[in-house]
Amino acid sequence: MIHRTINILIILIFLVSNSAFAQINVVTSTTDLKSIVDAIGGEKVKTFSIARGNQNIHSVEVLPSYIMKITKARMYVKIGMGLDQWADPLIEGARNENLFVLDCSKNITKLDVPTFKIDASHGDVHPYGNPHYWLDPNNGIIIANDITAALSKLSPGDALYFAKRRDEFAQLIETKMAEWANMMGQYKDTKIMVYHDDWRYFAEAFGFDIVGFVEPKPGLEPTPSHLYKLMNIIKTNNVKLIGFQPYFSDQAPNSLASETKAKAVKLATSVGCVDSVLSYTDIFDYNLRAMIAIIKAGK
């Protein structure tokens, strides 16, 4: 009886260890990519995001422990377009010859690709275009397609599993898009102001009209003269909403709000940016509800 119990325990340990071994270790640059990898990979993946949701993705502090994570990973998933360039030395430092690096921007229709010579006078301009493409849910499906193909390449035996979950994810996005379109209703073409130029894809997807940025140029702090110009823009365009992310100071948005009829509102650009945003679709649920509530109140 004792031997039989020991044998059963050995078998259980073997099955558990093999199940864990079968998981694909995936490191992502952001929590948004992690959320989508989790949606596609399910129990077949083990994921880790380097950037936290409430961090400014443009400048992430890299730690030696991240290199160890990538050393043990089978796949690294990037935003690309120069946004998470801080990941490149980590990937290189890991010296992982088996690592598959997926750049999720490769099939995205890119906005704001510069047609001028880039220099410091333009601020922190991204040379390959606006890299905040995940803020259009339709691009979330493109990201999911690329992740599905990559995971299927790494684990061909699980390809049908990944494809099924990809279809479920795409169906969820399509269902939510209809719900979000209904929420927008009469508020489409509403003029808004935001802190940084990372809302272009979001505005395109939902029909908002961005009329100004709190930053005078990308990456630069607002000056008194710039804020004065923004006050006039807000009044002229009857702007009701000034959106900003938690990792930016709320001083300038609140100052603008106090001098106008607009309201400053904290928005989420990533999963985990605020406590209630726990998944990719939560980003859009949270932002649209917060924005529409302020627009309604201002009518």
C-alpha atoms as a PDB file:
ATOM      1  CA  MET A   1       0.000   0.000   0.000  1.00  0.00           C
ATOM      2  CA  ILE A   2       2.854   2.367   0.889  1.00  0.00           C
ATOM      3  CA  HIS A   3       4.674   1.542  -2.343  1.00  0.00           C
ATOM      4  CA  ARG A   4       1.495   2.142  -4.341  1.00  0.00           C
ATOM      5  CA  THR A   5       1.019   5.562  -2.681  1.00  0.00           C
ATOM      6  CA  ILE A   6       4.643   6.487  -3.420  1.00  0.00           C
ATOM      7  CA  ASN A   7       4.240   5.448  -7.056  1.00  0.00           C
ATOM      8  CA  ILE A   8       1.104   7.570  -7.393  1.00  0.00           C
ATOM      9  CA  LEU A   9       2.926  10.551  -5.901  1.00  0.00           C
ATOM     10  CA  ILE A  10       5.828  10.060  -8.308  1.00  0.00           C
ATOM     11  CA  ILE A  11       3.417   9.958 -11.258  1.00  0.00           C
ATOM     12  CA  LEU A  12       1.633  13.118 -10.062  1.00  0.00           C
ATOM     13  CA  ILE A  13       4.934  14.954  -9.601  1.00  0.00           C
ATOM     14  CA  PHE A  14       5.998  13.846 -13.073  1.00  0.00           C
ATOM     15  CA  LEU A  15       2.749  15.044 -14.637  1.00  0.00           C
ATOM     16  CA  VAL A  16       2.873  18.416 -12.861  1.00  0.00           C
ATOM     17  CA  SER A  17       6.522  18.992 -13.727  1.00  0.00           C
ATOM     18  CA  ASN A  18       5.944  18.044 -17.347  1.00  0.00           C
ATOM     19  CA  SER A  19       2.915  20.340 -17.513  1.00  0.00           C
ATOM     20  CA  ALA A  20       5.025  23.226 -16.207  1.00  0.00           C
ATOM     21  CA  PHE A  21       7.837  22.305 -18.581  1.00  0.00           C
ATOM     22  CA  ALA A  22       5.417  22.361 -21.520  1.00  0.00           C
ATOM     23  CA  GLN A  23       4.579  26.008 -20.884  1.00  0.00           C
ATOM     24  CA  ILE A  24       6.187  28.542 -23.208  1.00  0.00           C
ATOM     25  CA  ASN A  25       7.990  31.229 -21.226  1.00  0.00           C
ATOM     26  CA  VAL A  26       7.145  34.610 -22.766  1.00  0.00           C
ATOM     27  CA  VAL A  27       8.520  38.000 -21.751  1.00  0.00           C
ATOM     28  CA  THR A  28       6.702  41.098 -23.002  1.00  0.00           C
ATOM     29  CA  SER A  29       7.636  44.756 -22.969  1.00  0.00           C
ATOM     30  CA  THR A  30       4.226  45.857 -21.669  1.00  0.00           C
ATOM     31  CA  THR A  31       1.245  44.639 -19.706  1.00  0.00           C
ATOM     32  CA  ASP A  32      -0.965  45.112 -22.776  1.00  0.00           C
ATOM     33  CA  LEU A  33       1.066  42.625 -24.775  1.00  0.00           C
ATOM     34  CA  LYS A  34       1.114  40.307 -21.761  1.00  0.00           C
ATOM     35  CA  SER A  35      -2.679  40.457 -21.559  1.00  0.00           C
ATOM     36  CA  ILE A  36      -3.027  39.497 -25.223  1.00  0.00           C
ATOM     37  CA  VAL A  37      -0.411  36.707 -24.947  1.00  0.00           C
ATOM     38  CA  ASP A  38      -2.335  35.351 -21.944  1.00  0.00           C
ATOM     39  CA  ALA A  39      -5.592  35.514 -23.915  1.00  0.00           C
ATOM     40  CA  ILE A  40      -4.089  33.488 -26.778  1.00  0.00           C
ATOM     41  CA  GLY A  41      -1.728  31.231 -24.878  1.00  0.00           C
ATOM     42  CA  GLY A  42      -3.902  30.381 -21.889  1.00  0.00           C
ATOM     43  CA  GLU A  43      -2.428  27.602 -19.758  1.00  0.00           C
ATOM     44  CA  LYS A  44       0.198  26.916 -22.420  1.00  0.00           C
ATOM     45  CA  VAL A  45       2.187  30.057 -21.598  1.00  0.00           C
ATOM     46  CA  LYS A  46       3.898  31.625 -18.628  1.00  0.00           C
ATOM     47  CA  THR A  47       4.233  35.386 -19.045  1.00  0.00           C
ATOM     48  CA  PHE A  48       6.139  38.278 -17.528  1.00  0.00           C
ATOM     49  CA  SER A  49       5.893  41.979 -18.415  1.00  0.00           C
ATOM     50  CA  ILE A  50       8.932  44.184 -17.919  1.00  0.00           C
ATOM     51  CA  ALA A  51       7.058  47.499 -17.804  1.00  0.00           C
ATOM     52  CA  ARG A  52       4.336  47.974 -15.225  1.00  0.00           C
ATOM     53  CA  GLY A  53       1.023  49.380 -16.370  1.00  0.00           C
ATOM     54  CA  ASN A  54       1.466  52.631 -14.455  1.00  0.00           C
ATOM     55  CA  GLN A  55       4.925  53.324 -15.893  1.00  0.00           C
ATOM     56  CA  ASN A  56       5.795  55.677 -18.712  1.00  0.00           C
ATOM     57  CA  ILE A  57       6.804  53.185 -21.406  1.00  0.00           C
ATOM     58  CA  HIS A  58       9.130  55.710 -23.015  1.00  0.00           C
ATOM     59  CA  SER A  59      11.552  55.436 -20.099  1.00  0.00           C
ATOM     60  CA  VAL A  60      11.582  52.151 -18.214  1.00  0.00           C
ATOM     61  CA  GLU A  61      14.295  51.416 -15.675  1.00  0.00           C
ATOM     62  CA  VAL A  62      15.915  48.126 -16.666  1.00  0.00           C
ATOM     63  CA  LEU A  63      17.115  45.758 -13.958  1.00  0.00           C
ATOM     64  CA  PRO A  64      19.616  42.872 -14.150  1.00  0.00           C
ATOM     65  CA  SER A  65      16.838  40.486 -13.092  1.00  0.00           C
ATOM     66  CA  TYR A  66      15.069  41.203 -16.394  1.00  0.00           C
ATOM     67  CA  ILE A  67      18.000  39.710 -18.282  1.00  0.00           C
ATOM     68  CA  MET A  68      17.567  36.497 -16.286  1.00  0.00           C
ATOM     69  CA  LYS A  69      13.882  36.418 -17.236  1.00  0.00           C
ATOM     70  CA  ILE A  70      14.780  36.725 -20.922  1.00  0.00           C
ATOM     71  CA  THR A  71      17.551  34.131 -20.581  1.00  0.00           C
ATOM     72  CA  LYS A  72      14.888  31.590 -19.568  1.00  0.00           C
ATOM     73  CA  ALA A  73      12.295  32.756 -22.116  1.00  0.00           C
ATOM     74  CA  ARG A  74      11.373  31.212 -25.445  1.00  0.00           C
ATOM     75  CA  MET A  75       9.793  34.368 -26.857  1.00  0.00           C
ATOM     76  CA  TYR A  76      10.085  38.110 -26.352  1.00  0.00           C
ATOM     77  CA  VAL A  77       7.183  40.310 -27.518  1.00  0.00           C
ATOM     78  CA  LYS A  78       7.956  43.948 -28.394  1.00  0.00           C
ATOM     79  CA  ILE A  79       5.922  47.057 -29.143  1.00  0.00           C
ATOM     80  CA  GLY A  80       8.573  48.119 -31.649  1.00  0.00           C
ATOM     81  CA  MET A  81       8.791  51.398 -33.572  1.00  0.00           C
ATOM     82  CA  GLY A  82      11.476  52.552 -31.138  1.00  0.00           C
ATOM     83  CA  LEU A  83       9.096  52.845 -28.167  1.00  0.00           C
ATOM     84  CA  ASP A  84      10.610  49.980 -26.159  1.00  0.00           C
ATOM     85  CA  GLN A  85      14.146  50.341 -27.446  1.00  0.00           C
ATOM     86  CA  TRP A  86      15.270  49.871 -23.843  1.00  0.00           C
ATOM     87  CA  ALA A  87      14.480  46.186 -24.368  1.00  0.00           C
ATOM     88  CA  ASP A  88      17.156  45.732 -27.031  1.00  0.00           C
ATOM     89  CA  PRO A  89      20.173  45.729 -24.662  1.00  0.00           C
ATOM     90  CA  LEU A  90      18.280  43.327 -22.391  1.00  0.00           C
ATOM     91  CA  ILE A  91      17.660  40.923 -25.251  1.00  0.00           C
ATOM     92  CA  GLU A  92      21.268  41.207 -26.383  1.00  0.00           C
ATOM     93  CA  GLY A  93      22.566  40.779 -22.829  1.00  0.00           C
ATOM     94  CA  ALA A  94      20.523  37.610 -22.314  1.00  0.00           C
ATOM     95  CA  ARG A  95      22.498  35.837 -25.081  1.00  0.00           C
ATOM     96  CA  ASN A  96      19.568  33.474 -25.565  1.00  0.00           C
ATOM     97  CA  GLU A  97      20.102  31.771 -28.936  1.00  0.00           C
ATOM     98  CA  ASN A  98      16.690  30.087 -28.716  1.00  0.00           C
ATOM     99  CA  LEU A  99      14.791  33.324 -28.154  1.00  0.00           C
ATOM    100  CA  PHE A 100      12.173  34.266 -30.729  1.00  0.00           C
ATOM    101  CA  VAL A 101      11.669  38.038 -30.844  1.00  0.00           C
ATOM    102  CA  LEU A 102       8.275  39.205 -32.091  1.00  0.00           C
ATOM    103  CA  ASP A 103       7.839  42.840 -33.123  1.00  0.00           C
ATOM    104  CA  CYS A 104       4.073  43.404 -33.006  1.00  0.00           C
ATOM    105  CA  SER A 105       4.249  46.596 -35.070  1.00  0.00           C
ATOM    106  CA  LYS A 106       5.201  44.859 -38.313  1.00  0.00           C
ATOM    107  CA  ASN A 107       1.637  44.505 -39.668  1.00  0.00           C
ATOM    108  CA  ILE A 108       0.194  47.698 -38.192  1.00  0.00           C
ATOM    109  CA  THR A 109      -0.926  50.610 -40.388  1.00  0.00           C
ATOM    110  CA  LYS A 110       1.221  53.293 -38.789  1.00  0.00           C
ATOM    111  CA  LEU A 111       0.063  56.839 -38.077  1.00  0.00           C
ATOM    112  CA  ASP A 112       2.100  60.054 -37.855  1.00  0.00           C
ATOM    113  CA  VAL A 113       5.168  58.782 -39.696  1.00  0.00           C
ATOM    114  CA  PRO A 114       7.381  61.905 -39.935  1.00  0.00           C
ATOM    115  CA  THR A 115       7.841  63.436 -43.373  1.00  0.00           C
ATOM    116  CA  PHE A 116      10.350  65.992 -42.084  1.00  0.00           C
ATOM    117  CA  LYS A 117      13.934  65.825 -40.926  1.00  0.00           C
ATOM    118  CA  ILE A 118      13.932  64.841 -37.261  1.00  0.00           C
ATOM    119  CA  ASP A 119      16.026  66.847 -34.826  1.00  0.00           C
ATOM    120  CA  ALA A 120      15.837  68.053 -31.222  1.00  0.00           C
ATOM    121  CA  SER A 121      13.737  71.073 -32.194  1.00  0.00           C
ATOM    122  CA  HIS A 122      10.719  68.785 -32.712  1.00  0.00           C
ATOM    123  CA  GLY A 123      10.934  67.230 -29.251  1.00  0.00           C
ATOM    124  CA  ASP A 124      10.911  63.474 -28.682  1.00  0.00           C
ATOM    125  CA  VAL A 125       9.465  62.518 -32.073  1.00  0.00           C
ATOM    126  CA  HIS A 126       9.296  58.828 -32.982  1.00  0.00           C
ATOM    127  CA  PRO A 127      11.042  58.372 -36.347  1.00  0.00           C
ATOM    128  CA  TYR A 128       8.952  55.322 -37.345  1.00  0.00           C
ATOM    129  CA  GLY A 129       5.585  56.867 -36.555  1.00  0.00           C
ATOM    130  CA  ASN A 130       3.291  56.961 -33.533  1.00  0.00           C
ATOM    131  CA  PRO A 131       3.990  53.711 -31.619  1.00  0.00           C
ATOM    132  CA  HIS A 132       0.891  53.682 -29.380  1.00  0.00           C
ATOM    133  CA  TYR A 133      -1.033  51.531 -31.836  1.00  0.00           C
ATOM    134  CA  TRP A 134      -2.477  49.085 -29.266  1.00  0.00           C
ATOM    135  CA  LEU A 135      -4.929  51.846 -28.247  1.00  0.00           C
ATOM    136  CA  ASP A 136      -6.996  50.950 -31.304  1.00  0.00           C
ATOM    137  CA  PRO A 137      -8.808  47.666 -30.463  1.00  0.00           C
ATOM    138  CA  ASN A 138      -8.713  46.668 -34.131  1.00  0.00           C
ATOM    139  CA  ASN A 139      -4.930  46.633 -33.848  1.00  0.00           C
ATOM    140  CA  GLY A 140      -5.357  44.346 -30.846  1.00  0.00           C
ATOM    141  CA  ILE A 141      -6.665  41.708 -33.267  1.00  0.00           C
ATOM    142  CA  ILE A 142      -3.615  42.199 -35.515  1.00  0.00           C
ATOM    143  CA  ILE A 143      -1.351  41.797 -32.488  1.00  0.00           C
ATOM    144  CA  ALA A 144      -3.260  38.648 -31.502  1.00  0.00           C
ATOM    145  CA  ASN A 145      -2.829  37.211 -35.011  1.00  0.00           C
ATOM    146  CA  ASP A 146       0.940  37.715 -34.870  1.00  0.00           C
ATOM    147  CA  ILE A 147       1.169  36.232 -31.382  1.00  0.00           C
ATOM    148  CA  THR A 148      -0.893  33.225 -32.490  1.00  0.00           C
ATOM    149  CA  ALA A 149       1.422  32.593 -35.442  1.00  0.00           C
ATOM    150  CA  ALA A 150       4.518  32.900 -33.242  1.00  0.00           C
ATOM    151  CA  LEU A 151       3.232  30.587 -30.501  1.00  0.00           C
ATOM    152  CA  SER A 152       2.111  28.055 -33.123  1.00  0.00           C
ATOM    153  CA  LYS A 153       5.589  28.088 -34.621  1.00  0.00           C
ATOM    154  CA  LEU A 154       7.152  27.444 -31.223  1.00  0.00           C
ATOM    155  CA  SER A 155       4.626  24.740 -30.291  1.00  0.00           C
ATOM    156  CA  PRO A 156       3.042  23.293 -33.477  1.00  0.00           C
ATOM    157  CA  GLY A 157       1.136  20.679 -31.488  1.00  0.00           C
ATOM    158  CA  ASP A 158      -0.838  23.455 -29.779  1.00  0.00           C
ATOM    159  CA  ALA A 159      -1.617  25.411 -32.950  1.00  0.00           C
ATOM    160  CA  LEU A 160      -5.335  24.531 -32.930  1.00  0.00           C
ATOM    161  CA  TYR A 161      -5.565  25.518 -29.263  1.00  0.00           C
ATOM    162  CA  PHE A 162      -3.991  28.914 -29.984  1.00  0.00           C
ATOM    163  CA  ALA A 163      -6.145  29.448 -33.092  1.00  0.00           C
ATOM    164  CA  LYS A 164      -9.340  28.721 -31.130  1.00  0.00           C
ATOM    165  CA  ARG A 165      -8.406  31.199 -28.422  1.00  0.00           C
ATOM    166  CA  ARG A 166      -7.426  33.792 -31.064  1.00  0.00           C
ATOM    167  CA  ASP A 167     -10.873  33.435 -32.648  1.00  0.00           C
ATOM    168  CA  GLU A 168     -12.495  33.904 -29.240  1.00  0.00           C
ATOM    169  CA  PHE A 169     -10.378  36.996 -28.605  1.00  0.00           C
ATOM    170  CA  ALA A 170     -11.237  38.476 -32.016  1.00  0.00           C
ATOM    171  CA  GLN A 171     -14.939  37.789 -31.416  1.00  0.00           C
ATOM    172  CA  LEU A 172     -14.729  39.513 -28.034  1.00  0.00           C
ATOM    173  CA  ILE A 173     -13.156  42.598 -29.626  1.00  0.00           C
ATOM    174  CA  GLU A 174     -15.801  42.683 -32.363  1.00  0.00           C
ATOM    175  CA  THR A 175     -18.604  42.349 -29.812  1.00  0.00           C
ATOM    176  CA  LYS A 176     -17.085  45.059 -27.619  1.00  0.00           C
ATOM    177  CA  MET A 177     -16.551  47.352 -30.625  1.00  0.00           C
ATOM    178  CA  ALA A 178     -20.302  47.267 -31.282  1.00  0.00           C
ATOM    179  CA  GLU A 179     -20.915  48.014 -27.598  1.00  0.00           C
ATOM    180  CA  TRP A 180     -18.383  50.866 -27.598  1.00  0.00           C
ATOM    181  CA  ALA A 181     -19.808  52.329 -30.814  1.00  0.00           C
ATOM    182  CA  ASN A 182     -23.225  52.364 -29.156  1.00  0.00           C
ATOM    183  CA  MET A 183     -21.729  54.096 -26.098  1.00  0.00           C
ATOM    184  CA  MET A 184     -20.166  56.775 -28.273  1.00  0.00           C
ATOM    185  CA  GLY A 185     -23.395  57.547 -30.128  1.00  0.00           C
ATOM    186  CA  GLN A 186     -23.882  61.327 -30.202  1.00  0.00           C
ATOM    187  CA  TYR A 187     -20.435  61.938 -28.687  1.00  0.00           C
ATOM    188  CA  LYS A 188     -18.525  61.047 -31.841  1.00  0.00           C
ATOM    189  CA  ASP A 189     -16.412  63.969 -33.132  1.00  0.00           C
ATOM    190  CA  THR A 190     -16.216  65.438 -29.624  1.00  0.00           C
ATOM    191  CA  LYS A 191     -13.215  67.738 -29.307  1.00  0.00           C
ATOM    192  CA  ILE A 192     -10.791  66.751 -26.561  1.00  0.00           C
ATOM    193  CA  MET A 193      -7.354  67.720 -25.270  1.00  0.00           C
ATOM    194  CA  VAL A 194      -4.751  65.219 -24.020  1.00  0.00           C
ATOM    195  CA  TYR A 195      -1.393  65.447 -22.309  1.00  0.00           C
ATOM    196  CA  HIS A 196       0.841  63.468 -24.676  1.00  0.00           C
ATOM    197  CA  ASP A 197       0.430  62.409 -28.298  1.00  0.00           C
ATOM    198  CA  ASP A 198      -0.328  58.780 -27.519  1.00  0.00           C
ATOM    199  CA  TRP A 199      -4.079  58.944 -28.189  1.00  0.00           C
ATOM    200  CA  ARG A 200      -4.109  59.209 -31.980  1.00  0.00           C
ATOM    201  CA  TYR A 201      -5.039  55.562 -32.597  1.00  0.00           C
ATOM    202  CA  PHE A 202      -7.657  55.704 -29.841  1.00  0.00           C
ATOM    203  CA  ALA A 203      -9.154  58.879 -31.319  1.00  0.00           C
ATOM    204  CA  GLU A 204      -9.219  57.344 -34.805  1.00  0.00           C
ATOM    205  CA  ALA A 205     -10.939  54.209 -33.502  1.00  0.00           C
ATOM    206  CA  PHE A 206     -13.686  56.003 -31.557  1.00  0.00           C
ATOM    207  CA  GLY A 207     -14.094  59.292 -33.403  1.00  0.00           C
ATOM    208  CA  PHE A 208     -12.661  61.832 -30.975  1.00  0.00           C
ATOM    209  CA  ASP A 209     -11.117  65.029 -32.324  1.00  0.00           C
ATOM    210  CA  ILE A 210      -7.857  65.931 -30.546  1.00  0.00           C
ATOM    211  CA  VAL A 211      -7.443  69.721 -30.728  1.00  0.00           C
ATOM    212  CA  GLY A 212      -4.381  70.177 -28.526  1.00  0.00           C
ATOM    213  CA  PHE A 213      -1.698  68.650 -26.313  1.00  0.00           C
ATOM    214  CA  VAL A 214      -0.616  69.764 -22.858  1.00  0.00           C
ATOM    215  CA  GLU A 215       2.964  69.111 -23.955  1.00  0.00           C
ATOM    216  CA  PRO A 216       4.131  71.846 -26.360  1.00  0.00           C
ATOM    217  CA  LYS A 217       6.211  69.170 -28.089  1.00  0.00           C
ATOM    218  CA  PRO A 218       6.526  65.452 -27.296  1.00  0.00           C
ATOM    219  CA  GLY A 219       8.475  64.946 -24.096  1.00  0.00           C
ATOM    220  CA  LEU A 220       8.658  68.647 -23.145  1.00  0.00           C
ATOM    221  CA  GLU A 221       7.082  70.220 -20.065  1.00  0.00           C
ATOM    222  CA  PRO A 222       4.355  72.814 -20.729  1.00  0.00           C
ATOM    223  CA  THR A 223       5.381  76.468 -20.460  1.00  0.00           C
ATOM    224  CA  PRO A 224       3.145  79.317 -19.213  1.00  0.00           C
ATOM    225  CA  SER A 225       2.851  80.715 -22.746  1.00  0.00           C
ATOM    226  CA  HIS A 226       1.822  77.303 -24.098  1.00  0.00           C
ATOM    227  CA  LEU A 227      -0.787  76.876 -21.373  1.00  0.00           C
ATOM    228  CA  TYR A 228      -2.194  80.298 -22.217  1.00  0.00           C
ATOM    229  CA  LYS A 229      -2.587  79.202 -25.862  1.00  0.00           C
ATOM    230  CA  LEU A 230      -4.298  76.013 -24.711  1.00  0.00           C
ATOM    231  CA  MET A 231      -6.792  77.991 -22.617  1.00  0.00           C
ATOM    232  CA  ASN A 232      -7.848  79.864 -25.742  1.00  0.00           C
ATOM    233  CA  ILE A 233      -8.128  76.609 -27.708  1.00  0.00           C
ATOM    234  CA  ILE A 234     -10.302  75.094 -24.970  1.00  0.00           C
ATOM    235  CA  LYS A 235     -12.622  78.105 -24.897  1.00  0.00           C
ATOM    236  CA  THR A 236     -12.812  78.487 -28.682  1.00  0.00           C
ATOM    237  CA  ASN A 237     -13.557  74.789 -29.266  1.00  0.00           C
ATOM    238  CA  ASN A 238     -15.713  74.287 -26.187  1.00  0.00           C
ATOM    239  CA  VAL A 239     -13.441  71.471 -25.008  1.00  0.00           C
ATOM    240  CA  LYS A 240     -14.917  69.624 -22.022  1.00  0.00           C
ATOM    241  CA  LEU A 241     -12.163  67.112 -21.338  1.00  0.00           C
ATOM    242  CA  ILE A 242      -8.396  67.152 -20.721  1.00  0.00           C
ATOM    243  CA  GLY A 243      -7.016  63.612 -20.500  1.00  0.00           C
ATOM    244  CA  PHE A 244      -3.768  62.695 -18.768  1.00  0.00           C
ATOM    245  CA  GLN A 245      -2.031  59.519 -17.597  1.00  0.00           C
ATOM    246  CA  PRO A 246      -1.227  58.830 -13.921  1.00  0.00           C
ATOM    247  CA  TYR A 247       2.534  58.943 -14.551  1.00  0.00           C
ATOM    248  CA  PHE A 248       2.290  62.555 -15.760  1.00  0.00           C
ATOM    249  CA  SER A 249       1.853  65.434 -13.340  1.00  0.00           C
ATOM    250  CA  ASP A 250      -1.751  66.595 -13.035  1.00  0.00           C
ATOM    251  CA  GLN A 251      -0.648  70.146 -12.271  1.00  0.00           C
ATOM    252  CA  ALA A 252      -0.977  71.531 -15.805  1.00  0.00           C
ATOM    253  CA  PRO A 253      -4.268  69.724 -16.648  1.00  0.00           C
ATOM    254  CA  ASN A 254      -5.801  70.887 -13.365  1.00  0.00           C
ATOM    255  CA  SER A 255      -4.546  74.414 -13.955  1.00  0.00           C
ATOM    256  CA  LEU A 256      -6.183  74.467 -17.389  1.00  0.00           C
ATOM    257  CA  ALA A 257      -9.389  73.042 -15.932  1.00  0.00           C
ATOM    258  CA  SER A 258      -9.508  75.686 -13.199  1.00  0.00           C
ATOM    259  CA  GLU A 259      -9.313  78.468 -15.798  1.00  0.00           C
ATOM    260  CA  THR A 260     -11.885  76.966 -18.175  1.00  0.00           C
ATOM    261  CA  LYS A 261     -15.027  74.854 -18.146  1.00  0.00           C
ATOM    262  CA  ALA A 262     -13.060  71.724 -19.029  1.00  0.00           C
ATOM    263  CA  LYS A 263     -12.422  68.864 -16.594  1.00  0.00           C
ATOM    264  CA  ALA A 264      -9.147  66.995 -16.159  1.00  0.00           C
ATOM    265  CA  VAL A 265      -9.573  63.213 -16.196  1.00  0.00           C
ATOM    266  CA  LYS A 266      -7.122  60.413 -15.499  1.00  0.00           C
ATOM    267  CA  LEU A 267      -6.998  57.996 -18.448  1.00  0.00           C
ATOM    268  CA  ALA A 268      -5.416  54.566 -18.812  1.00  0.00           C
ATOM    269  CA  THR A 269      -3.032  53.741 -21.633  1.00  0.00           C
ATOM    270  CA  SER A 270      -2.171  50.246 -20.387  1.00  0.00           C
ATOM    271  CA  VAL A 271      -3.422  47.291 -18.398  1.00  0.00           C
ATOM    272  CA  GLY A 272      -2.742  48.133 -14.757  1.00  0.00           C
ATOM    273  CA  CYS A 273      -2.457  51.874 -15.396  1.00  0.00           C
ATOM    274  CA  VAL A 274      -5.307  52.239 -12.905  1.00  0.00           C
ATOM    275  CA  ASP A 275      -6.512  49.562 -10.491  1.00  0.00           C
ATOM    276  CA  SER A 276      -9.725  48.661 -12.320  1.00  0.00           C
ATOM    277  CA  VAL A 277      -8.039  48.043 -15.696  1.00  0.00           C
ATOM    278  CA  LEU A 278      -7.129  44.368 -15.469  1.00  0.00           C
ATOM    279  CA  SER A 279      -7.333  43.248 -19.096  1.00  0.00           C
ATOM    280  CA  TYR A 280      -6.857  44.611 -22.608  1.00  0.00           C
ATOM    281  CA  THR A 281     -10.552  45.366 -23.180  1.00  0.00           C
ATOM    282  CA  ASP A 282     -10.766  47.037 -19.760  1.00  0.00           C
ATOM    283  CA  ILE A 283      -8.609  49.855 -21.175  1.00  0.00           C
ATOM    284  CA  PHE A 284     -11.383  50.911 -23.527  1.00  0.00           C
ATOM    285  CA  ASP A 285     -14.249  50.264 -21.116  1.00  0.00           C
ATOM    286  CA  TYR A 286     -12.599  52.438 -18.466  1.00  0.00           C
ATOM    287  CA  ASN A 287     -11.568  55.294 -20.763  1.00  0.00           C
ATOM    288  CA  LEU A 288     -14.821  55.559 -22.687  1.00  0.00           C
ATOM    289  CA  ARG A 289     -16.960  55.502 -19.542  1.00  0.00           C
ATOM    290  CA  ALA A 290     -14.774  58.129 -17.838  1.00  0.00           C
ATOM    291  CA  MET A 291     -14.705  60.366 -20.910  1.00  0.00           C
ATOM    292  CA  ILE A 292     -18.401  60.115 -21.762  1.00  0.00           C
ATOM    293  CA  ALA A 293     -19.374  60.844 -18.145  1.00  0.00           C
ATOM    294  CA  ILE A 294     -17.445  64.126 -18.255  1.00  0.00           C
ATOM    295  CA  ILE A 295     -18.744  65.080 -21.701  1.00  0.00           C
ATOM    296  CA  LYS A 296     -22.335  64.393 -20.577  1.00  0.00           C
ATOM    297  CA  ALA A 297     -21.879  66.480 -17.429  1.00  0.00           C
ATOM    298  CA  GLY A 298     -20.526  69.377 -19.464  1.00  0.00           C
ATOM    299  CA  LYS A 299     -23.473  69.651 -21.822  1.00  0.00           C
END
